[in-house]
Amino acid sequence: MLFTKIDKLVSKAFIPTFFLTFFVVLFILFTVFISQYLEDLVGKDLGVEVYLRVFFYFALTLTPMTFPLATLLASLMCFGNLGEHSELTAIKGAGISLPRILFPVGIYAILIAIGAFLSNNYVAPEANLRAYSLIYDIRQKKPALEFKEGGFYNDLPDYRIRIEKKDRDGGNGIYGVMIYDHSTRRGNTDLIIADTGKMYNILDNNYLVMELQNGHRFSEPASDNTYKREFVRDNFKKAKFVFSLEALGMNRTPEELFKSHRVMMTMSELRDVADSLENESVKYLSTTPYTSKPYYDYQFGSIANDSIKNGLDTFPKHYTLFKKVINPEDMFTFYDKAINKTRNLKNLMTASKERIETLSTDSRIYRIEMYQKVTFSVACFIMFLIGAPLGAIIKKGGFGIPVLVSIVFFILFYVLTITGQKYAKEGVTDVLSGTWMANGVLLLFGIFFLRQAYFDSRLFDADVYYIIFQKLKEKYWKPYFAKKPKIQVVE
């Protein structure tokens, strides 16, 4: 019954903290990430529904990075709070060992790791597909219709529109209107000018209507006579012009066009692509340019092939035949052909080498992405091994020291992950070693902190280091500077 109460106590301290830190970390990462796309999202009149979809999809794409950091921070805060309020000391005083106290949170960490894997493998690829396809369509969408006074508006296809002045009180009146019509593709041959008018949208903002008054229309009809041109001028009291705004809308691109990117694939799909690239590399490597055709073959016979097949001892015989058949003038032709074929063979070998290296690199990149779905999930449990013992040692809750420690270890995890991926991609190390390097290093930290917490180490207590410094000072510092006794010489 005592253990059940302890489990409930630890669970009540960890679960709310985890959800709080998860959403806080997600919000911070989301704010940093979405700032890269602000220029694409602002000023395009997308609507609330589009913004919510973009934010929701990108939030899902950041969950692989959020789970490890939230687990580390929640573990630190949970056991830091228990230690700060002496609850951890009381539990240990009842004879409960530290591993038993950490047991329920360890179970939660395993469940979080499983959830992180499912999210990385199934949710994140679909979210990446929808997010990046949507952001692509948003980038293609032109800014919202906005006429600036005194300047030309150029985003309507085939038209250039200039408005001298607009109503200040939010009305739809316009003054000093000038419209260049380029739909005939003959330059500035059609011009519309009006003193006043009004503009408004119709049919769900799909069309722009301009009702102009007291205007003129100037046009130059097409003519084959370059020396004689006609100009037409029409006057109107009222005229209505309708412009389609379809080009300003956001057209959805089929999501299937984006599925080939690795961040939008599951582990099985990544494995299939990596195996396919690797098999293609092996197949390409097995095809050598030496056996595809004779090294050189011309009208006098294939000398090199016979020499290779029958051995070098047969070459003198061919050489005798060679001297009888080929004139001295033909030696230059033979030499040029040999040089050209050698150069072609060298270019073929270089191209083959580059192709094989590209296929191998691409295969490693897909395998890195595949293993990363597992490593980021396992990192959740390793972050628990670091955070829980550290919280028990530091005995400080809240968002102060735990946040600082979490940031330090998360930066270390991120740097090691990037470094390992770089080494694996370049072939410096194998893919498994490169992708698991960060987890391996942090696991050593976790084991070390777990051992220190098990023996109630005062690793972060300042007075411990002060005592050590004093001992070192007494042992080495003072004797070195102590005054040596004077030696008196007795005669």
Protein backbone atom coordinates (compact mmCIF):
# COMPACT_ATOMS: atom_id res chain seq x y z
CA MET A 1 0.00 0.00 0.00
CA LEU A 2 2.93 2.30 0.74
CA PHE A 3 4.40 1.74 -2.71
CA THR A 4 1.06 2.45 -4.37
CA LYS A 5 0.84 5.79 -2.59
CA ILE A 6 4.40 6.61 -3.66
CA ASP A 7 3.57 5.75 -7.25
CA LYS A 8 0.52 8.01 -7.09
CA LEU A 9 2.58 10.80 -5.55
CA VAL A 10 5.27 10.62 -8.23
CA SER A 11 2.68 10.26 -11.01
CA LYS A 12 0.74 13.31 -9.83
CA ALA A 13 3.99 15.27 -9.81
CA PHE A 14 5.12 14.11 -13.27
CA ILE A 15 2.07 13.83 -15.56
CA PRO A 16 0.79 17.44 -15.29
CA THR A 17 4.35 18.72 -15.49
CA PHE A 18 4.99 16.75 -18.66
CA PHE A 19 1.91 18.10 -20.45
CA LEU A 20 2.76 21.63 -19.33
CA THR A 21 6.37 21.42 -20.50
CA PHE A 22 5.31 19.67 -23.74
CA PHE A 23 3.07 22.55 -24.81
CA VAL A 24 5.55 25.18 -23.60
CA VAL A 25 8.40 23.60 -25.56
CA LEU A 26 6.16 23.10 -28.59
CA PHE A 27 5.13 26.74 -28.49
CA ILE A 28 8.75 27.92 -28.29
CA LEU A 29 9.91 25.67 -31.13
CA PHE A 30 6.86 26.61 -33.18
CA THR A 31 7.49 30.32 -32.70
CA VAL A 32 11.11 29.98 -33.85
CA PHE A 33 10.16 27.74 -36.78
CA ILE A 34 7.18 29.70 -38.10
CA SER A 35 9.22 32.91 -38.13
CA GLN A 36 10.95 31.54 -41.26
CA TYR A 37 7.66 31.68 -43.16
CA LEU A 38 6.27 35.01 -41.99
CA GLU A 39 7.00 36.72 -45.30
CA ASP A 40 5.02 34.02 -47.12
CA LEU A 41 2.02 34.23 -44.80
CA VAL A 42 1.59 37.98 -44.28
CA GLY A 43 -0.40 40.20 -46.62
CA LYS A 44 -2.10 37.51 -48.72
CA ASP A 45 -5.61 37.54 -47.25
CA LEU A 46 -5.53 33.79 -46.61
CA GLY A 47 -8.35 33.59 -44.13
CA VAL A 48 -8.46 32.20 -40.60
CA GLU A 49 -9.07 28.62 -41.74
CA VAL A 50 -5.87 28.51 -43.84
CA TYR A 51 -3.78 29.99 -41.02
CA LEU A 52 -5.13 27.43 -38.54
CA ARG A 53 -4.33 24.57 -40.90
CA VAL A 54 -0.78 25.82 -41.44
CA PHE A 55 -0.17 26.24 -37.71
CA PHE A 56 -1.68 22.85 -36.88
CA TYR A 57 0.34 20.93 -39.49
CA PHE A 58 3.62 22.61 -38.56
CA ALA A 59 2.95 21.96 -34.87
CA LEU A 60 2.64 18.25 -35.68
CA THR A 61 5.89 18.30 -37.64
CA LEU A 62 7.73 19.63 -34.57
CA THR A 63 6.57 16.87 -32.22
CA PRO A 64 9.64 14.63 -32.91
CA MET A 65 11.85 17.39 -31.50
CA THR A 66 9.43 18.25 -28.69
CA PHE A 67 9.10 14.85 -27.01
CA PRO A 68 12.76 14.42 -25.87
CA LEU A 69 13.12 17.98 -24.55
CA ALA A 70 9.74 17.87 -22.78
CA THR A 71 10.65 14.55 -21.13
CA LEU A 72 13.98 15.93 -19.91
CA LEU A 73 12.46 19.12 -18.55
CA ALA A 74 9.48 17.36 -16.93
CA SER A 75 11.74 14.80 -15.21
CA LEU A 76 14.00 17.54 -13.90
CA MET A 77 11.12 19.61 -12.58
CA CYS A 78 9.26 16.63 -11.10
CA PHE A 79 12.11 15.29 -8.98
CA GLY A 80 13.49 18.76 -8.37
CA ASN A 81 10.17 19.74 -6.77
CA LEU A 82 10.09 16.52 -4.73
CA GLY A 83 13.62 17.17 -3.51
CA GLU A 84 13.03 20.85 -2.82
CA HIS A 85 10.02 20.06 -0.57
CA SER A 86 11.93 17.23 1.19
CA GLU A 87 9.42 14.66 -0.07
CA LEU A 88 12.18 12.73 -1.77
CA THR A 89 14.17 12.63 1.47
CA ALA A 90 11.14 11.38 3.39
CA ILE A 91 10.54 8.59 0.87
CA LYS A 92 14.18 7.51 1.07
CA GLY A 93 13.95 7.66 4.87
CA ALA A 94 11.12 5.10 4.68
CA GLY A 95 13.58 2.66 3.13
CA ILE A 96 12.55 3.08 -0.50
CA SER A 97 15.47 3.00 -2.92
CA LEU A 98 15.92 5.58 -5.66
CA PRO A 99 15.37 3.13 -8.56
CA ARG A 100 12.01 2.19 -7.06
CA ILE A 101 11.05 5.86 -6.79
CA LEU A 102 12.03 6.40 -10.43
CA PHE A 103 10.14 3.31 -11.59
CA PRO A 104 6.73 4.89 -12.37
CA VAL A 105 8.29 7.78 -14.29
CA GLY A 106 10.44 5.25 -16.15
CA ILE A 107 7.25 3.48 -17.27
CA TYR A 108 5.84 6.80 -18.44
CA ALA A 109 9.09 7.52 -20.29
CA ILE A 110 8.80 4.20 -22.14
CA LEU A 111 5.20 5.02 -23.07
CA ILE A 112 6.30 8.47 -24.24
CA ALA A 113 9.05 6.87 -26.35
CA ILE A 114 6.50 4.54 -27.97
CA GLY A 115 4.16 7.45 -28.61
CA ALA A 116 7.03 9.48 -30.04
CA PHE A 117 7.89 6.64 -32.45
CA LEU A 118 4.29 6.33 -33.64
CA SER A 119 4.16 10.09 -34.09
CA ASN A 120 7.49 10.18 -35.94
CA ASN A 121 6.62 7.29 -38.21
CA TYR A 122 2.98 7.93 -39.04
CA VAL A 123 1.80 11.38 -37.96
CA ALA A 124 4.85 13.51 -38.81
CA PRO A 125 5.22 12.30 -42.45
CA GLU A 126 1.55 13.03 -43.18
CA ALA A 127 1.79 16.39 -41.41
CA ASN A 128 4.95 17.25 -43.38
CA LEU A 129 3.19 16.37 -46.62
CA ARG A 130 0.19 18.57 -45.88
CA ALA A 131 2.22 21.42 -44.36
CA TYR A 132 4.79 21.80 -47.12
CA SER A 133 2.30 21.33 -49.93
CA LEU A 134 0.13 24.02 -48.34
CA ILE A 135 3.04 26.40 -47.81
CA TYR A 136 4.05 25.85 -51.46
CA ASP A 137 0.59 26.90 -52.63
CA ILE A 138 0.67 29.92 -50.32
CA ARG A 139 4.00 30.98 -51.79
CA GLN A 140 2.52 30.82 -55.28
CA LYS A 141 -0.42 32.96 -54.22
CA LYS A 142 0.06 36.63 -54.97
CA PRO A 143 -0.51 39.31 -52.33
CA ALA A 144 -4.03 40.49 -51.62
CA LEU A 145 -5.52 43.06 -53.95
CA GLU A 146 -4.33 46.44 -52.69
CA PHE A 147 -4.04 49.58 -54.79
CA LYS A 148 -1.57 52.12 -53.44
CA GLU A 149 -2.23 55.73 -54.31
CA GLY A 150 -0.02 57.11 -57.05
CA GLY A 151 1.53 53.75 -58.00
CA PHE A 152 0.85 51.04 -60.58
CA TYR A 153 -0.64 47.70 -59.52
CA ASN A 154 1.00 44.94 -61.62
CA ASP A 155 -0.31 41.65 -60.18
CA LEU A 156 -3.40 41.39 -62.40
CA PRO A 157 -2.40 39.52 -65.58
CA ASP A 158 -2.54 41.66 -68.77
CA TYR A 159 -3.39 44.86 -66.88
CA ARG A 160 -1.48 47.69 -65.23
CA ILE A 161 -3.72 49.88 -63.07
CA ARG A 162 -2.91 53.20 -61.44
CA ILE A 163 -5.19 55.07 -59.01
CA GLU A 164 -4.28 58.60 -58.05
CA LYS A 165 -6.52 58.82 -54.97
CA LYS A 166 -8.98 56.71 -52.95
CA ASP A 167 -11.69 57.57 -50.45
CA ARG A 168 -10.22 58.11 -46.99
CA ASP A 169 -13.30 57.04 -45.05
CA GLY A 170 -13.21 53.43 -46.21
CA GLY A 171 -15.51 54.01 -49.18
CA ASN A 172 -15.06 52.50 -52.63
CA GLY A 173 -14.60 55.77 -54.54
CA ILE A 174 -11.51 56.16 -56.74
CA TYR A 175 -10.11 59.17 -58.61
CA GLY A 176 -7.61 59.65 -61.42
CA VAL A 177 -7.82 56.11 -62.83
CA MET A 178 -5.43 54.88 -65.54
CA ILE A 179 -5.63 51.34 -66.97
CA TYR A 180 -3.18 49.85 -69.51
CA ASP A 181 -4.66 46.85 -71.34
CA HIS A 182 -1.94 44.41 -72.47
CA SER A 183 -4.26 41.56 -73.40
CA THR A 184 -3.49 42.05 -77.12
CA ARG A 185 0.25 41.53 -76.46
CA ARG A 186 1.13 44.60 -78.58
CA GLY A 187 2.57 46.86 -75.92
CA ASN A 188 0.96 50.04 -74.61
CA THR A 189 -1.60 50.33 -77.42
CA ASP A 190 -4.76 50.39 -75.27
CA LEU A 191 -5.25 52.92 -72.50
CA ILE A 192 -8.26 53.81 -70.37
CA ILE A 193 -8.39 57.07 -68.40
CA ALA A 194 -11.22 58.25 -66.14
CA ASP A 195 -11.70 61.09 -63.70
CA THR A 196 -13.76 59.29 -61.04
CA GLY A 197 -15.35 55.92 -60.33
CA LYS A 198 -15.83 53.22 -57.77
CA MET A 199 -14.61 49.65 -57.39
CA TYR A 200 -15.93 46.60 -55.55
CA ASN A 201 -15.72 42.81 -55.59
CA ILE A 202 -18.45 40.37 -56.64
CA LEU A 203 -19.06 36.61 -56.65
CA ASP A 204 -17.16 35.77 -53.44
CA ASN A 205 -14.33 38.17 -54.28
CA ASN A 206 -13.54 36.32 -57.50
CA TYR A 207 -14.06 39.37 -59.70
CA LEU A 208 -13.18 43.06 -59.43
CA VAL A 209 -15.61 45.60 -60.88
CA MET A 210 -14.65 49.18 -61.76
CA GLU A 211 -17.47 51.59 -62.66
CA LEU A 212 -15.77 54.61 -64.23
CA GLN A 213 -17.20 58.02 -65.14
CA ASN A 214 -16.10 60.79 -67.51
CA GLY A 215 -13.37 58.82 -69.19
CA HIS A 216 -11.60 58.19 -72.48
CA ARG A 217 -10.30 55.07 -74.18
CA PHE A 218 -7.34 55.30 -76.53
CA SER A 219 -6.43 52.37 -78.77
CA GLU A 220 -4.25 51.63 -81.77
CA PRO A 221 -5.79 48.97 -84.07
CA ALA A 222 -3.48 46.35 -85.52
CA SER A 223 -2.21 47.25 -88.99
CA ASP A 224 0.28 45.80 -91.46
CA ASN A 225 1.22 49.25 -92.72
CA THR A 226 4.16 50.42 -90.62
CA TYR A 227 4.14 53.90 -92.20
CA LYS A 228 0.48 54.68 -91.63
CA ARG A 229 -1.06 54.13 -88.21
CA GLU A 230 -4.57 54.80 -86.96
CA PHE A 231 -5.50 55.91 -83.45
CA VAL A 232 -9.00 55.55 -82.01
CA ARG A 233 -10.37 57.63 -79.18
CA ASP A 234 -13.66 56.84 -77.43
CA ASN A 235 -15.32 59.03 -74.86
CA PHE A 236 -17.73 57.66 -72.27
CA LYS A 237 -19.84 59.05 -69.49
CA LYS A 238 -20.14 55.73 -67.68
CA ALA A 239 -18.44 52.40 -68.27
CA LYS A 240 -18.07 49.19 -66.33
CA PHE A 241 -14.97 46.99 -66.45
CA VAL A 242 -14.79 43.52 -64.86
CA PHE A 243 -11.44 41.86 -64.01
CA SER A 244 -11.02 38.23 -63.00
CA LEU A 245 -9.11 37.69 -59.76
CA GLU A 246 -8.49 34.00 -60.37
CA ALA A 247 -4.75 34.60 -60.72
CA LEU A 248 -4.65 36.04 -57.19
CA GLY A 249 -6.30 33.00 -55.64
CA MET A 250 -4.57 30.01 -54.09
CA ASN A 251 -4.72 26.91 -56.27
CA ARG A 252 -4.06 23.60 -54.52
CA THR A 253 -1.29 21.45 -55.92
CA PRO A 254 -1.84 17.66 -55.77
CA GLU A 255 -0.14 16.34 -52.65
CA GLU A 256 1.13 13.28 -54.54
CA LEU A 257 3.77 15.50 -56.16
CA PHE A 258 5.46 16.01 -52.76
CA LYS A 259 5.45 12.41 -51.51
CA SER A 260 8.88 11.59 -52.92
CA HIS A 261 10.67 13.67 -50.27
CA ARG A 262 12.16 11.62 -47.43
CA VAL A 263 10.59 13.66 -44.59
CA MET A 264 7.18 12.57 -45.90
CA MET A 265 7.89 8.83 -45.79
CA THR A 266 7.45 6.13 -43.17
CA MET A 267 10.22 3.76 -42.12
CA SER A 268 9.14 1.04 -44.55
CA GLU A 269 9.03 3.49 -47.45
CA LEU A 270 12.45 4.89 -46.53
CA ARG A 271 13.88 1.37 -46.32
CA ASP A 272 12.51 0.48 -49.76
CA VAL A 273 14.00 3.59 -51.35
CA ALA A 274 17.37 3.06 -49.62
CA ASP A 275 17.51 -0.60 -50.73
CA SER A 276 16.57 0.38 -54.27
CA LEU A 277 19.33 3.00 -54.43
CA GLU A 278 21.85 0.58 -52.97
CA ASN A 279 20.94 -2.16 -55.45
CA GLU A 280 21.19 0.31 -58.31
CA SER A 281 24.63 1.35 -57.07
CA VAL A 282 25.81 -2.27 -56.93
CA LYS A 283 24.38 -2.96 -60.40
CA TYR A 284 26.03 0.15 -61.79
CA LEU A 285 29.34 -0.81 -60.19
CA SER A 286 29.26 -4.28 -61.71
CA THR A 287 29.01 -2.83 -65.23
CA THR A 288 32.55 -1.94 -66.33
CA PRO A 289 33.39 -0.06 -69.51
CA TYR A 290 36.25 -2.48 -70.30
CA THR A 291 34.08 -5.42 -71.39
CA SER A 292 31.33 -3.54 -73.20
CA LYS A 293 33.22 -3.39 -76.55
CA PRO A 294 36.76 -3.71 -77.90
CA TYR A 295 39.18 -1.07 -76.76
CA TYR A 296 39.64 0.04 -80.37
CA ASP A 297 38.51 -1.50 -83.59
CA TYR A 298 39.07 -0.09 -87.04
CA GLN A 299 39.33 -1.27 -90.66
CA PHE A 300 42.75 -2.93 -90.20
CA GLY A 301 41.58 -5.34 -87.46
CA SER A 302 41.32 -5.53 -83.68
CA ILE A 303 44.90 -5.75 -82.50
CA ALA A 304 44.37 -4.97 -78.81
CA ASN A 305 41.61 -7.54 -78.33
CA ASP A 306 43.66 -10.36 -79.84
CA SER A 307 46.66 -9.40 -77.72
CA ILE A 308 44.55 -9.42 -74.53
CA LYS A 309 42.94 -12.77 -75.39
CA ASN A 310 46.05 -14.61 -76.53
CA GLY A 311 48.63 -12.97 -74.26
CA LEU A 312 51.36 -10.45 -74.79
CA ASP A 313 53.56 -13.04 -76.51
CA THR A 314 51.29 -12.87 -79.54
CA PHE A 315 51.76 -9.14 -79.96
CA PRO A 316 54.99 -9.30 -82.04
CA LYS A 317 53.16 -11.36 -84.69
CA HIS A 318 50.44 -8.77 -84.89
CA TYR A 319 53.03 -6.05 -84.84
CA THR A 320 54.63 -7.56 -88.00
CA LEU A 321 51.25 -7.60 -89.65
CA PHE A 322 50.68 -4.11 -88.34
CA LYS A 323 53.84 -2.82 -90.08
CA LYS A 324 52.91 -4.43 -93.34
CA VAL A 325 49.40 -3.11 -93.45
CA ILE A 326 49.64 0.41 -92.05
CA ASN A 327 51.52 3.09 -93.92
CA PRO A 328 53.68 5.53 -91.94
CA GLU A 329 51.26 8.32 -92.88
CA ASP A 330 48.44 6.43 -91.13
CA MET A 331 50.30 6.37 -87.79
CA PHE A 332 49.06 9.87 -86.95
CA THR A 333 45.46 8.77 -87.59
CA PHE A 334 45.97 5.72 -85.40
CA TYR A 335 47.49 7.87 -82.65
CA ASP A 336 44.60 10.37 -82.72
CA LYS A 337 42.02 7.59 -82.51
CA ALA A 338 43.83 5.99 -79.59
CA ILE A 339 43.99 9.32 -77.73
CA ASN A 340 40.29 10.04 -78.33
CA LYS A 341 39.20 6.61 -77.19
CA THR A 342 41.37 6.87 -74.08
CA ARG A 343 39.89 10.29 -73.28
CA ASN A 344 36.36 8.95 -73.78
CA LEU A 345 37.10 6.00 -71.52
CA LYS A 346 38.44 8.34 -68.82
CA ASN A 347 35.30 10.51 -69.02
CA LEU A 348 33.12 7.42 -68.82
CA MET A 349 34.97 6.20 -65.74
CA THR A 350 34.68 9.61 -64.07
CA ALA A 351 30.95 9.82 -64.78
CA SER A 352 30.46 6.26 -63.50
CA LYS A 353 32.34 7.02 -60.30
CA GLU A 354 30.29 10.17 -59.65
CA ARG A 355 27.06 8.31 -60.33
CA ILE A 356 27.97 5.51 -57.91
CA GLU A 357 28.97 8.00 -55.20
CA THR A 358 25.68 9.89 -55.66
CA LEU A 359 23.62 6.71 -55.37
CA SER A 360 25.54 5.62 -52.26
CA THR A 361 25.16 9.04 -50.63
CA ASP A 362 21.43 9.15 -51.37
CA SER A 363 21.02 5.65 -49.95
CA ARG A 364 22.80 6.68 -46.73
CA ILE A 365 20.62 9.82 -46.44
CA TYR A 366 17.43 7.77 -46.61
CA ARG A 367 18.76 5.30 -44.04
CA ILE A 368 19.72 8.18 -41.74
CA GLU A 369 16.16 9.49 -41.93
CA MET A 370 14.85 5.99 -41.25
CA TYR A 371 17.00 5.41 -38.15
CA GLN A 372 16.32 8.92 -36.88
CA LYS A 373 12.68 7.98 -36.29
CA VAL A 374 13.91 5.39 -33.78
CA THR A 375 16.76 7.39 -32.26
CA PHE A 376 14.54 10.37 -31.45
CA SER A 377 12.10 8.02 -29.75
CA VAL A 378 14.78 6.25 -27.69
CA ALA A 379 16.14 9.69 -26.78
CA CYS A 380 12.98 10.26 -24.73
CA PHE A 381 13.94 7.46 -22.32
CA ILE A 382 17.58 8.58 -22.23
CA MET A 383 16.45 12.11 -21.37
CA PHE A 384 14.52 10.61 -18.47
CA LEU A 385 17.70 8.87 -17.28
CA ILE A 386 19.42 12.26 -17.29
CA GLY A 387 16.62 14.45 -15.96
CA ALA A 388 15.27 12.35 -13.09
CA PRO A 389 18.63 11.76 -11.29
CA LEU A 390 19.68 15.36 -11.94
CA GLY A 391 16.46 16.61 -10.38
CA ALA A 392 17.07 14.43 -7.34
CA ILE A 393 20.61 15.82 -7.04
CA ILE A 394 19.86 19.51 -7.70
CA LYS A 395 16.63 19.56 -5.64
CA LYS A 396 15.36 22.67 -7.39
CA GLY A 397 11.96 22.88 -9.08
CA GLY A 398 10.30 25.51 -11.23
CA PHE A 399 11.49 26.83 -14.56
CA GLY A 400 14.84 28.19 -13.36
CA ILE A 401 17.72 25.76 -13.10
CA PRO A 402 15.80 22.89 -14.79
CA VAL A 403 15.31 24.97 -17.93
CA LEU A 404 18.99 25.95 -18.03
CA VAL A 405 20.16 22.35 -17.58
CA SER A 406 17.64 21.10 -20.15
CA ILE A 407 18.81 23.61 -22.74
CA VAL A 408 22.45 22.58 -22.21
CA PHE A 409 21.76 18.88 -22.71
CA PHE A 410 19.35 19.47 -25.58
CA ILE A 411 21.93 21.56 -27.41
CA LEU A 412 24.47 18.80 -26.79
CA PHE A 413 22.00 16.25 -28.15
CA TYR A 414 21.26 18.38 -31.21
CA VAL A 415 24.94 19.05 -31.99
CA LEU A 416 25.87 15.38 -31.61
CA THR A 417 22.92 14.39 -33.80
CA ILE A 418 23.93 16.78 -36.57
CA THR A 419 27.57 15.70 -36.32
CA GLY A 420 26.72 12.01 -36.42
CA GLN A 421 24.43 12.50 -39.41
CA LYS A 422 27.17 14.43 -41.22
CA TYR A 423 29.72 11.67 -40.60
CA ALA A 424 27.26 8.99 -41.73
CA LYS A 425 26.29 10.94 -44.85
CA GLU A 426 29.91 11.47 -45.89
CA GLY A 427 30.81 7.85 -45.20
CA VAL A 428 33.27 8.69 -42.43
CA THR A 429 31.42 6.21 -40.25
CA ASP A 430 28.64 3.72 -40.88
CA VAL A 431 25.03 4.85 -40.70
CA LEU A 432 24.22 3.04 -37.46
CA SER A 433 27.16 4.55 -35.58
CA GLY A 434 26.46 8.04 -36.88
CA THR A 435 22.76 8.06 -36.05
CA TRP A 436 23.18 6.49 -32.61
CA MET A 437 26.20 8.56 -31.56
CA ALA A 438 24.14 11.22 -29.73
CA ASN A 439 22.13 8.65 -27.78
CA GLY A 440 25.28 6.74 -26.87
CA VAL A 441 27.02 9.80 -25.44
CA LEU A 442 23.94 10.97 -23.51
CA LEU A 443 23.39 7.45 -22.17
CA LEU A 444 26.80 7.68 -20.47
CA PHE A 445 25.70 10.95 -18.84
CA GLY A 446 22.47 9.29 -17.71
CA ILE A 447 24.28 6.33 -16.12
CA PHE A 448 26.72 8.68 -14.39
CA PHE A 449 23.99 10.91 -12.93
CA LEU A 450 21.95 7.86 -11.91
CA ARG A 451 24.92 6.49 -9.99
CA GLN A 452 25.55 9.85 -8.32
CA ALA A 453 21.90 10.17 -7.29
CA TYR A 454 21.83 6.58 -5.98
CA PHE A 455 24.68 7.36 -3.57
CA ASP A 456 23.19 10.75 -2.61
CA SER A 457 26.02 12.66 -4.24
CA ARG A 458 26.31 16.36 -3.54
CA LEU A 459 27.54 16.96 -7.05
CA PHE A 460 26.09 20.47 -7.39
CA ASP A 461 26.55 21.72 -3.83
CA ALA A 462 28.91 24.68 -3.73
CA ASP A 463 30.14 23.95 -0.19
CA VAL A 464 31.49 20.57 -1.33
CA TYR A 465 33.79 22.22 -3.83
CA TYR A 466 34.70 24.88 -1.27
CA ILE A 467 35.82 22.18 1.20
CA ILE A 468 37.82 20.44 -1.55
CA PHE A 469 39.46 23.74 -2.44
CA GLN A 470 40.37 24.38 1.20
CA LYS A 471 41.92 20.94 1.54
CA LEU A 472 43.96 21.42 -1.60
CA LYS A 473 45.00 24.83 -0.36
CA GLU A 474 46.12 23.45 3.01
CA LYS A 475 48.00 20.61 1.38
CA TYR A 476 49.74 22.27 -1.56
CA TRP A 477 49.36 26.06 -1.42
CA LYS A 478 50.43 26.98 2.12
CA PRO A 479 53.44 24.65 2.38
CA TYR A 480 54.78 26.03 -0.86
CA PHE A 481 54.69 29.64 0.36
CA ALA A 482 55.55 28.94 3.99
CA LYS A 483 58.70 30.67 5.20
CA LYS A 484 61.61 28.34 5.54
CA PRO A 485 63.52 28.54 8.88
CA LYS A 486 66.81 30.37 8.79
CA ILE A 487 69.89 28.18 9.20
CA GLN A 488 72.44 29.63 11.62
CA VAL A 489 76.04 28.75 11.09
CA VAL A 490 77.88 28.02 14.38
CA GLU A 491 81.56 28.74 14.27
